[in-house]
Protein backbone atom coordinates (compact mmCIF):
# COMPACT_ATOMS: atom_id res chain seq x y z
CA UNK A 1 88.33 -77.07 34.89
CA UNK A 2 91.45 -75.84 36.68
CA UNK A 3 93.08 -72.85 34.96
CA UNK A 4 96.36 -71.21 35.82
CA UNK A 5 95.50 -67.63 35.20
CA UNK A 6 94.71 -64.40 36.92
CA UNK A 7 91.62 -62.46 35.97
CA UNK A 8 91.32 -58.75 36.66
CA UNK A 9 87.88 -57.38 35.90
CA UNK A 10 87.03 -53.85 34.75
CA UNK A 11 87.18 -50.54 36.56
CA UNK A 12 85.90 -50.12 40.09
CA UNK A 13 82.93 -47.96 41.03
CA UNK A 14 83.24 -44.21 40.71
CA UNK A 15 83.01 -41.72 43.56
CA UNK A 16 83.46 -37.95 43.43
CA UNK A 17 86.11 -35.60 44.74
CA UNK A 18 85.76 -31.87 44.00
CA UNK A 19 85.91 -31.43 40.21
CA UNK A 20 87.43 -34.89 39.69
CA UNK A 21 85.93 -38.34 39.84
CA UNK A 22 87.89 -41.38 40.90
CA UNK A 23 87.89 -44.69 39.06
CA UNK A 24 89.93 -47.18 41.04
CA UNK A 25 92.98 -45.09 41.97
CA UNK A 26 92.79 -42.76 38.97
CA UNK A 27 91.21 -39.30 38.83
CA UNK A 28 88.85 -38.54 35.98
CA UNK A 29 87.78 -35.07 34.87
CA UNK A 30 84.11 -34.18 35.08
CA UNK A 31 82.15 -35.24 32.03
CA UNK A 32 84.48 -38.07 31.04
CA UNK A 33 84.57 -41.77 31.81
CA UNK A 34 87.71 -43.59 32.91
CA UNK A 35 89.42 -45.60 30.23
CA UNK A 36 88.07 -49.15 30.18
CA UNK A 37 90.01 -52.04 31.71
CA UNK A 38 89.31 -55.40 30.04
CA UNK A 39 89.59 -58.83 31.54
CA UNK A 40 93.31 -59.63 31.87
CA UNK A 41 94.76 -63.14 31.68
CA UNK A 42 98.35 -63.37 32.96
CA UNK A 43 100.66 -66.36 32.80
CA UNK A 44 101.34 -68.14 36.08
CA UNK A 45 104.27 -70.50 36.69
CA UNK A 46 105.25 -70.33 33.03
CA UNK A 47 101.80 -71.11 31.62
CA UNK A 48 99.17 -68.87 30.08
CA UNK A 49 95.98 -70.91 29.77
CA UNK A 50 92.84 -69.26 28.43
CA UNK A 51 89.45 -70.13 26.96
CA UNK A 52 88.28 -67.71 24.26
CA UNK A 53 84.74 -67.99 22.91
CA UNK A 54 84.00 -66.23 19.62
CA UNK A 55 80.28 -65.43 19.48
CA UNK A 56 77.74 -62.71 18.76
CA UNK A 57 77.10 -60.89 22.04
CA UNK A 58 75.54 -57.65 23.25
CA UNK A 59 78.45 -55.27 23.93
CA UNK A 60 78.41 -51.69 25.12
CA UNK A 61 80.01 -49.32 22.58
CA UNK A 62 80.00 -45.79 23.84
CA UNK A 63 76.43 -45.16 24.96
CA UNK A 64 74.93 -47.86 22.73
CA UNK A 65 74.44 -51.60 23.05
CA UNK A 66 75.49 -53.43 19.90
CA UNK A 67 75.32 -57.04 18.78
CA UNK A 68 79.01 -57.54 18.00
CA UNK A 69 81.31 -60.41 17.25
CA UNK A 70 83.25 -60.75 20.48
CA UNK A 71 85.69 -62.83 22.48
CA UNK A 72 84.19 -63.77 25.83
CA UNK A 73 81.45 -61.16 25.30
CA UNK A 74 84.01 -58.34 25.09
CA UNK A 75 85.16 -56.09 22.27
CA UNK A 76 88.06 -55.47 22.41
CA UNK A 77 88.63 -58.93 23.80
CA UNK A 78 90.55 -59.92 26.93
CA UNK A 79 94.15 -58.80 27.27
CA UNK A 80 96.60 -61.69 27.34
CA UNK A 81 99.96 -61.25 29.08
CA UNK A 82 102.93 -63.62 29.03
CA UNK A 83 106.72 -63.59 29.31
CA UNK A 84 109.53 -64.99 27.16
CA UNK A 85 109.84 -68.73 27.67
CA UNK A 86 106.18 -69.19 28.68
CA UNK A 87 103.90 -71.86 27.26
CA UNK A 88 100.63 -70.55 25.85
CA UNK A 89 97.49 -72.72 25.64
CA UNK A 90 94.37 -71.13 24.19
CA UNK A 91 91.16 -73.04 23.57
CA UNK A 92 89.18 -71.25 20.86
CA UNK A 93 85.47 -72.09 20.95
CA UNK A 94 83.69 -71.06 17.76
CA UNK A 95 80.07 -70.09 18.33
CA UNK A 96 79.87 -68.06 15.12
CA UNK A 97 77.92 -69.19 12.06
CA UNK A 98 81.08 -69.22 9.91
CA UNK A 99 84.59 -70.70 10.26
CA UNK A 100 87.25 -68.75 12.11
CA UNK A 101 90.74 -69.08 13.59
CA UNK A 102 93.36 -67.00 15.43
CA UNK A 103 96.41 -65.09 14.23
CA UNK A 104 98.98 -64.00 16.83
CA UNK A 105 99.96 -60.77 15.12
CA UNK A 106 103.62 -59.90 15.61
CA UNK A 107 104.61 -62.88 17.73
CA UNK A 108 107.74 -64.73 16.59
CA UNK A 109 106.40 -68.26 17.07
CA UNK A 110 105.98 -71.33 14.88
CA UNK A 111 103.59 -70.95 11.93
CA UNK A 112 102.80 -74.65 11.94
CA UNK A 113 100.58 -77.04 13.88
CA UNK A 114 98.96 -75.38 16.87
CA UNK A 115 101.04 -72.18 16.62
CA UNK A 116 100.40 -69.11 14.45
CA UNK A 117 98.86 -71.32 11.78
CA UNK A 118 96.50 -69.23 9.66
CA UNK A 119 95.57 -72.28 7.58
CA UNK A 120 93.66 -73.78 10.53
CA UNK A 121 89.89 -73.64 10.05
CA UNK A 122 87.70 -73.93 13.14
CA UNK A 123 84.17 -74.77 11.99
CA UNK A 124 81.04 -73.43 13.70
CA UNK A 125 80.44 -75.29 16.94
CA UNK A 126 83.99 -76.65 17.11
CA UNK A 127 86.88 -76.02 19.53
CA UNK A 128 90.55 -75.83 18.59
CA UNK A 129 93.42 -75.73 21.10
CA UNK A 130 96.40 -73.55 20.23
CA UNK A 131 99.57 -74.38 22.14
CA UNK A 132 103.03 -72.92 21.58
CA UNK A 133 106.09 -71.69 23.45
CA UNK A 134 107.28 -68.11 23.30
CA UNK A 135 111.03 -68.10 22.61
CA UNK A 136 113.22 -67.27 25.60
CA UNK A 137 114.77 -64.37 23.67
CA UNK A 138 111.45 -62.93 22.47
CA UNK A 139 111.37 -59.13 22.85
CA UNK A 140 108.92 -57.41 25.15
CA UNK A 141 106.23 -55.58 23.24
CA UNK A 142 102.63 -54.84 22.34
CA UNK A 143 101.20 -57.54 20.08
CA UNK A 144 97.63 -58.67 19.40
CA UNK A 145 95.36 -61.49 18.23
CA UNK A 146 92.54 -61.50 15.70
CA UNK A 147 90.85 -63.84 13.18
CA UNK A 148 92.64 -64.68 9.95
CA UNK A 149 90.32 -67.03 8.06
CA UNK A 150 90.61 -66.09 4.38
CA UNK A 151 87.47 -64.43 2.97
CA UNK A 152 86.21 -63.84 6.55
CA UNK A 153 89.11 -61.85 8.04
CA UNK A 154 87.80 -58.34 7.36
CA UNK A 155 84.20 -59.13 8.31
CA UNK A 156 85.20 -60.74 11.60
CA UNK A 157 87.70 -58.07 12.62
CA UNK A 158 85.34 -55.24 11.66
CA UNK A 159 82.57 -57.04 13.56
CA UNK A 160 84.55 -56.78 16.81
CA UNK A 161 87.03 -59.68 17.13
CA UNK A 162 90.44 -58.49 18.38
CA UNK A 163 92.45 -58.33 21.59
CA UNK A 164 95.86 -57.37 22.95
CA UNK A 165 98.66 -59.90 23.49
CA UNK A 166 101.41 -58.39 25.65
CA UNK A 167 104.88 -59.82 26.19
CA UNK A 168 106.43 -58.48 29.40
CA UNK A 169 110.20 -58.27 29.57
CA UNK A 170 113.29 -56.06 29.60
CA UNK A 171 111.62 -52.89 28.31
CA UNK A 172 109.16 -52.95 31.23
CA UNK A 173 112.03 -53.09 33.75
CA UNK A 174 113.84 -49.95 32.61
CA UNK A 175 113.43 -47.70 35.70
CA UNK A 176 112.05 -44.67 33.87
CA UNK A 177 109.60 -46.81 31.89
CA UNK A 178 108.59 -48.75 34.99
CA UNK A 179 107.87 -45.49 36.82
CA UNK A 180 105.50 -44.28 34.10
CA UNK A 181 101.74 -44.73 34.37
CA UNK A 182 100.79 -47.36 31.77
CA UNK A 183 97.69 -47.16 29.59
CA UNK A 184 96.68 -49.49 26.76
CA UNK A 185 94.92 -47.77 23.86
CA UNK A 186 93.04 -50.02 21.42
CA UNK A 187 91.88 -47.86 18.51
CA UNK A 188 89.04 -49.28 16.50
CA UNK A 189 85.89 -48.23 14.71
CA UNK A 190 82.42 -49.79 14.58
CA UNK A 191 79.38 -49.43 12.37
CA UNK A 192 76.05 -50.15 14.07
CA UNK A 193 72.61 -49.85 12.51
CA UNK A 194 69.42 -48.79 14.31
CA UNK A 195 68.76 -52.36 15.42
CA UNK A 196 72.20 -52.55 17.03
CA UNK A 197 73.67 -54.85 14.39
CA UNK A 198 76.76 -54.53 12.21
CA UNK A 199 75.41 -53.93 8.68
CA UNK A 200 76.84 -55.89 5.74
CA UNK A 201 79.40 -54.07 3.61
CA UNK A 202 78.47 -53.08 0.09
CA UNK A 203 80.79 -53.16 -2.94
CA UNK A 204 82.23 -49.71 -2.31
CA UNK A 205 83.12 -50.51 1.31
CA UNK A 206 84.76 -53.77 0.25
CA UNK A 207 86.89 -52.06 -2.37
CA UNK A 208 87.94 -49.09 -0.26
CA UNK A 209 88.19 -51.02 2.99
CA UNK A 210 85.30 -50.63 5.41
CA UNK A 211 85.28 -47.96 8.10
CA UNK A 212 82.77 -47.34 10.89
CA UNK A 213 81.31 -44.07 12.10
CA UNK A 214 81.87 -44.87 15.81
CA UNK A 215 85.57 -44.35 16.50
CA UNK A 216 86.52 -45.64 19.93
CA UNK A 217 89.30 -46.08 22.46
CA UNK A 218 88.88 -49.46 24.14
CA UNK A 219 85.25 -49.46 23.01
CA UNK A 220 84.57 -46.05 24.60
CA UNK A 221 83.85 -42.64 23.15
CA UNK A 222 86.30 -39.98 24.37
CA UNK A 223 87.39 -41.60 27.66
CA UNK A 224 89.67 -39.75 30.08
CA UNK A 225 93.34 -40.32 30.86
CA UNK A 226 95.21 -38.67 33.71
CA UNK A 227 98.79 -37.78 34.54
CA UNK A 228 100.27 -35.89 37.51
CA UNK A 229 102.27 -32.76 36.75
CA UNK A 230 105.88 -33.91 36.50
CA UNK A 231 104.83 -37.50 35.78
CA UNK A 232 105.20 -39.78 32.78
CA UNK A 233 102.39 -41.47 30.87
CA UNK A 234 103.18 -44.59 28.83
CA UNK A 235 100.68 -45.07 26.01
CA UNK A 236 100.70 -48.51 24.36
CA UNK A 237 98.79 -47.98 21.13
CA UNK A 238 97.23 -50.52 18.76
CA UNK A 239 95.38 -49.81 15.54
CA UNK A 240 92.90 -52.70 15.60
CA UNK A 241 90.67 -51.26 12.86
CA UNK A 242 90.03 -53.19 9.67
CA UNK A 243 90.87 -50.21 7.42
CA UNK A 244 90.92 -46.90 9.29
CA UNK A 245 94.20 -45.01 9.72
CA UNK A 246 94.99 -42.93 12.81
CA UNK A 247 97.17 -39.82 12.63
CA UNK A 248 97.56 -39.03 16.31
CA UNK A 249 98.44 -35.78 18.03
CA UNK A 250 98.17 -34.84 21.71
CA UNK A 251 97.47 -31.15 22.20
CA UNK A 252 100.45 -29.33 23.66
CA UNK A 253 102.53 -32.49 24.12
CA UNK A 254 105.07 -34.20 21.87
CA UNK A 255 105.31 -37.98 21.88
CA UNK A 256 108.53 -39.70 22.93
CA UNK A 257 108.52 -42.84 20.81
CA UNK A 258 110.06 -45.79 22.68
CA UNK A 259 108.82 -48.87 20.80
CA UNK A 260 107.32 -49.95 17.49
CA UNK A 261 105.62 -53.18 16.34
CA UNK A 262 108.47 -55.48 17.34
CA UNK A 263 109.56 -53.86 20.59
CA UNK A 264 111.95 -51.21 21.87
CA UNK A 265 113.99 -48.87 19.70
CA UNK A 266 117.49 -47.84 20.84
CA UNK A 267 116.56 -44.53 22.51
CA UNK A 268 113.52 -42.23 22.62
CA UNK A 269 112.68 -40.26 19.47
CA UNK A 270 110.57 -37.12 19.82
CA UNK A 271 107.72 -36.82 17.33
CA UNK A 272 104.81 -34.40 17.06
CA UNK A 273 102.43 -36.76 15.27
CA UNK A 274 102.12 -40.54 15.02
CA UNK A 275 100.58 -42.28 12.03
CA UNK A 276 99.29 -45.81 12.67
CA UNK A 277 98.06 -47.88 9.73
CA UNK A 278 95.86 -50.93 10.43
CA UNK A 279 97.80 -53.52 12.40
CA UNK A 280 100.58 -51.19 13.54
CA UNK A 281 101.49 -50.59 17.17
CA UNK A 282 103.64 -48.02 18.93
CA UNK A 283 104.58 -47.12 22.48
CA UNK A 284 105.15 -43.51 23.49
CA UNK A 285 105.93 -41.62 26.67
CA UNK A 286 104.16 -38.34 27.42
CA UNK A 287 105.72 -35.94 29.90
CA UNK A 288 103.35 -34.15 32.25
CA UNK A 289 105.24 -30.88 31.92
CA UNK A 290 102.53 -28.48 30.76
CA UNK A 291 100.11 -26.27 32.65
CA UNK A 292 97.47 -28.32 34.52
CA UNK A 293 94.49 -28.47 32.20
CA UNK A 294 92.74 -30.91 29.87
CA UNK A 295 94.27 -31.80 26.50
CA UNK A 296 92.71 -33.75 23.65
CA UNK A 297 94.20 -36.79 21.93
CA UNK A 298 93.25 -36.08 18.32
CA UNK A 299 92.93 -38.12 15.16
CA UNK A 300 94.02 -35.72 12.40
CA UNK A 301 92.71 -35.95 8.84
CA UNK A 302 94.66 -38.37 6.66
CA UNK A 303 94.08 -39.33 3.02
CA UNK A 304 94.67 -43.02 2.41
CA UNK A 305 92.69 -43.64 -0.79
CA UNK A 306 93.40 -42.57 -4.34
CA UNK A 307 91.54 -39.69 -5.92
CA UNK A 308 90.88 -41.74 -9.04
CA UNK A 309 89.11 -44.50 -7.14
CA UNK A 310 87.06 -42.13 -5.01
CA UNK A 311 86.04 -40.01 -7.97
CA UNK A 312 85.44 -42.85 -10.39
CA UNK A 313 83.64 -45.26 -8.07
CA UNK A 314 82.18 -42.95 -5.43
CA UNK A 315 79.47 -41.49 -7.62
CA UNK A 316 78.59 -44.87 -9.08
CA UNK A 317 78.33 -46.69 -5.76
CA UNK A 318 77.23 -44.04 -3.28
CA UNK A 319 78.37 -43.88 0.33
CA UNK A 320 77.87 -47.49 1.28
CA UNK A 321 77.61 -49.44 4.52
CA UNK A 322 80.82 -49.59 6.46
CA UNK A 323 82.21 -46.36 5.00
CA UNK A 324 81.65 -44.29 8.16
CA UNK A 325 83.00 -40.74 7.79
CA UNK A 326 85.27 -41.82 4.98
CA UNK A 327 83.22 -40.47 2.10
CA UNK A 328 83.12 -36.96 3.54
CA UNK A 329 86.85 -36.25 3.62
CA UNK A 330 87.88 -37.08 0.07
CA UNK A 331 90.41 -39.84 0.60
CA UNK A 332 89.83 -41.82 3.74
CA UNK A 333 88.82 -39.73 6.74
CA UNK A 334 86.68 -36.79 7.69
CA UNK A 335 88.08 -33.34 7.14
CA UNK A 336 88.22 -32.29 10.82
CA UNK A 337 90.43 -33.40 13.69
CA UNK A 338 88.50 -35.94 15.77
CA UNK A 339 88.90 -36.14 19.57
CA UNK A 340 89.62 -39.71 20.69
CA UNK A 341 90.37 -39.24 24.41
CA UNK A 342 91.06 -36.45 26.91
CA UNK A 343 94.13 -36.11 29.10
CA UNK A 344 93.59 -34.41 32.46
CA UNK A 345 96.32 -33.30 34.88
CA UNK A 346 95.83 -34.39 38.48
CA UNK A 347 98.19 -33.82 41.37
CA UNK A 348 101.94 -33.50 41.02
CA UNK A 349 105.11 -35.53 41.55
CA UNK A 350 108.81 -34.79 41.36
CA UNK A 351 109.67 -34.56 37.68
CA UNK A 352 110.39 -37.99 36.21
CA UNK A 353 113.16 -38.14 33.59
CA UNK A 354 113.00 -39.80 30.20
CA UNK A 355 115.07 -42.95 29.67
CA UNK A 356 118.24 -42.44 27.67
CA UNK A 357 118.80 -46.00 26.49
CA UNK A 358 116.03 -48.48 25.72
CA UNK A 359 117.74 -51.38 24.02
CA UNK A 360 119.95 -52.43 21.15
CA UNK A 361 118.53 -52.82 17.65
CA UNK A 362 121.04 -54.88 15.73
CA UNK A 363 122.31 -53.99 12.30
CA UNK A 364 121.30 -56.74 9.88
CA UNK A 365 123.87 -58.09 7.43
CA UNK A 366 123.70 -57.57 3.70
CA UNK A 367 120.95 -59.68 2.10
CA UNK A 368 121.61 -62.93 0.28
CA UNK A 369 118.49 -62.48 -1.87
CA UNK A 370 116.67 -59.38 -3.14
CA UNK A 371 113.03 -59.54 -4.28
CA UNK A 372 110.51 -57.07 -5.70
CA UNK A 373 106.85 -57.26 -4.70
CA UNK A 374 104.43 -55.01 -6.58
CA UNK A 375 101.15 -54.00 -4.94
CA UNK A 376 98.29 -53.19 -7.30
CA UNK A 377 94.56 -53.39 -7.91
CA UNK A 378 92.51 -54.23 -10.97
CA UNK A 379 88.92 -54.55 -12.10
CA UNK A 380 88.24 -58.23 -12.74
CA UNK A 381 85.13 -59.88 -14.08
CA UNK A 382 81.82 -60.74 -12.45
CA UNK A 383 79.73 -59.18 -9.71
CA UNK A 384 80.77 -61.21 -6.69
CA UNK A 385 82.58 -60.02 -3.59
CA UNK A 386 84.06 -56.62 -4.42
CA UNK A 387 82.16 -56.44 -7.75
CA UNK A 388 85.07 -58.03 -9.60
CA UNK A 389 87.67 -55.81 -7.93
CA UNK A 390 90.89 -57.67 -7.13
CA UNK A 391 94.04 -56.65 -5.26
CA UNK A 392 97.28 -58.29 -6.34
CA UNK A 393 100.89 -58.99 -5.50
CA UNK A 394 103.04 -59.15 -8.64
CA UNK A 395 100.01 -59.28 -10.94
CA UNK A 396 98.39 -62.31 -9.30
CA UNK A 397 95.51 -62.74 -6.86
CA UNK A 398 96.00 -65.03 -3.88
CA UNK A 399 96.02 -68.79 -4.51
CA UNK A 400 96.18 -70.92 -1.37
CA UNK A 401 97.86 -73.75 -3.33
CA UNK A 402 100.64 -71.61 -4.80
CA UNK A 403 103.96 -70.87 -3.05
CA UNK A 404 104.86 -67.31 -3.95
CA UNK A 405 108.19 -66.99 -2.11
CA UNK A 406 110.57 -69.70 -0.92
CA UNK A 407 113.05 -68.52 1.70
CA UNK A 408 115.85 -70.33 3.49
CA UNK A 409 116.02 -70.44 7.27
CA UNK A 410 119.09 -68.62 8.55
CA UNK A 411 119.28 -66.13 5.68
CA UNK A 412 118.52 -62.41 5.33
CA UNK A 413 116.52 -61.13 2.36
CA UNK A 414 115.71 -57.63 1.16
CA UNK A 415 112.25 -57.03 -0.27
CA UNK A 416 111.39 -54.04 -2.41
CA UNK A 417 107.72 -53.24 -1.85
CA UNK A 418 106.48 -51.12 -4.76
CA UNK A 419 102.98 -49.67 -4.63
CA UNK A 420 102.11 -49.41 -8.33
CA UNK A 421 98.38 -49.06 -7.66
CA UNK A 422 97.16 -46.72 -10.45
CA UNK A 423 94.71 -45.06 -8.02
CA UNK A 424 97.46 -44.43 -5.44
CA UNK A 425 95.75 -46.27 -2.60
CA UNK A 426 97.86 -46.77 0.51
CA UNK A 427 98.55 -50.40 1.49
CA UNK A 428 99.94 -51.49 4.89
CA UNK A 429 102.11 -54.56 4.23
CA UNK A 430 102.20 -57.22 6.98
CA UNK A 431 104.54 -60.22 7.24
CA UNK A 432 103.73 -63.06 9.62
CA UNK A 433 106.18 -64.72 12.05
CA UNK A 434 109.37 -62.83 11.10
CA UNK A 435 109.86 -59.17 12.08
CA UNK A 436 111.83 -56.97 9.71
CA UNK A 437 113.61 -53.63 9.54
CA UNK A 438 112.68 -50.83 7.14
CA UNK A 439 115.76 -49.80 5.15
CA UNK A 440 114.46 -46.95 2.98
CA UNK A 441 111.41 -45.16 1.57
CA UNK A 442 111.53 -44.01 -2.03
CA UNK A 443 115.31 -44.06 -1.83
CA UNK A 444 115.57 -42.13 1.46
CA UNK A 445 117.07 -44.10 4.38
CA UNK A 446 115.00 -44.58 7.52
CA UNK A 447 116.12 -42.19 10.30
CA UNK A 448 116.41 -44.93 12.94
CA UNK A 449 116.36 -48.72 13.15
CA UNK A 450 113.28 -50.48 14.48
CA UNK A 451 111.67 -53.88 14.35
CA UNK A 452 108.41 -53.91 12.42
CA UNK A 453 105.90 -56.46 11.16
CA UNK A 454 103.57 -54.00 9.40
CA UNK A 455 104.77 -51.15 7.20
CA UNK A 456 102.79 -48.56 5.28
CA UNK A 457 103.50 -48.39 1.55
CA UNK A 458 101.83 -45.21 0.31
CA UNK A 459 100.42 -44.79 -3.15
CA UNK A 460 103.30 -44.57 -5.65
CA UNK A 461 105.89 -45.29 -2.95
CA UNK A 462 108.64 -47.92 -2.83
CA UNK A 463 109.74 -49.25 0.57
CA UNK A 464 112.70 -51.58 1.12
CA UNK A 465 112.64 -53.95 4.09
CA UNK A 466 115.26 -56.42 5.33
CA UNK A 467 113.95 -59.72 6.71
CA UNK A 468 115.97 -62.22 8.77
CA UNK A 469 114.44 -65.71 8.65
CA UNK A 470 115.12 -67.16 12.07
CA UNK A 471 114.11 -70.04 14.33
CA UNK A 472 111.00 -71.35 12.57
CA UNK A 473 110.50 -73.14 9.28
CA UNK A 474 107.08 -73.65 7.72
CA UNK A 475 104.43 -72.05 5.56
CA UNK A 476 102.98 -68.65 6.38
CA UNK A 477 101.67 -65.53 4.60
CA UNK A 478 102.22 -61.86 3.88
CA UNK A 479 99.38 -59.51 2.92
CA UNK A 480 97.82 -56.06 2.92
CA UNK A 481 96.43 -55.26 6.35
CA UNK A 482 93.44 -53.43 4.96
CA UNK A 483 91.78 -56.79 5.43
CA UNK A 484 89.17 -56.28 2.72
CA UNK A 485 92.10 -56.05 0.30
CA UNK A 486 93.57 -59.26 1.73
CA UNK A 487 90.24 -61.04 1.31
CA UNK A 488 90.07 -59.73 -2.27
CA UNK A 489 93.43 -61.23 -3.19
CA UNK A 490 96.35 -59.15 -1.84
CA UNK A 491 98.07 -61.99 -0.01
CA UNK A 492 100.90 -64.37 -0.79
CA UNK A 493 102.23 -67.65 0.59
CA UNK A 494 105.75 -67.83 2.04
CA UNK A 495 107.51 -71.17 2.50
CA UNK A 496 110.49 -71.06 4.87
CA UNK A 497 112.69 -74.14 4.48
CA UNK A 498 115.21 -75.44 7.01
């Protein structure tokens, strides 16, 4: 079968040079492996055409071989790259023993037919062809794809199914950004038993959101990054974990934030730490302006789960499969900073400046409709999935036949997201198809405008977002991106009418 794509396979062989090793054209400090390069599929002549096979495959995770759910025998899966205006054709072959599908997380494309249609169900042994066109005005950015079959979403993502989907465009052509060394960082955790399999989650893991004890960057444990003194490093970060949060800090170096979920912000914003909830992405520049040495990229402790839930249910249920280090830190992560990768200085270049202007983030008009969406959890009845635990929007669990919100194409709405969870569990809220802007948090305005598709609503917090409904009519969803919570009911249906 003729395919119009370019495939770039992983890193080249490694030779030595003094105290550095070389992987491809990149130096790597002794004792560390170069960051992994996945298979890359790039659009050619306006077409990105790819075959993705979802199957159980042996995959190397750190120093272990695990039987993971994978795309094309890789976890993370292949990186897909396209440009605005391109046609995308993806044949999904399902070799799993349960139904699956694909969600194109963050892409502004049609939610119907063969587009970002989460109501498609691809049965075991079947193939489904997705085909859609990326709008000509689509922003450049870091997006991703993963399964979104209700009741299987968390299991399949946690099992290994996820990959990057990159839109190249104006942001990549800004001279200072173009001069930076680019690295993609897929953050995700795995749980692997002694036989190399992903163990089933117990009730506690389902309720809290499962976490794995192997925390990786691109499937590797503590890989090495490099930057020349005076240079710029562009980190394109994705939290592809099912439930784990990442509070990132690079020793000795601030981050210069240049893009969020939906693409570029107006100008760089300096931050010392970066919190990524599941599903969120960010792009940062790091200046190589410190003393040549090695510096750790750390995941700092962060509490995402309510004290009441942990205290009340933890003793009753025990640690549980899929809880990883979560039970040891009180509310969602271990108590110590965890190294994720190591940055090594190598060589030097004339100092590269930061960009001053990145793009224009428009000011949205006043909303025509204001809505309130309450996020909560409750103990239901029965001992099924989640032991009767349900997660709700506005006091109702998900019903695939019910339309929860009807919006009009061409309008702007403001949604008040109120986390009224009595146990103060954090919930990342994700809206499909239409990016939004965060207006305020608990009454305090956001310090800068940015396009988002996933926003963290902390326990007891109220977040206001403004959503423009543009281009595409149809039925889609919004949900908590702790995918166990989505599978347990925290999802709603959105009908956008022309």
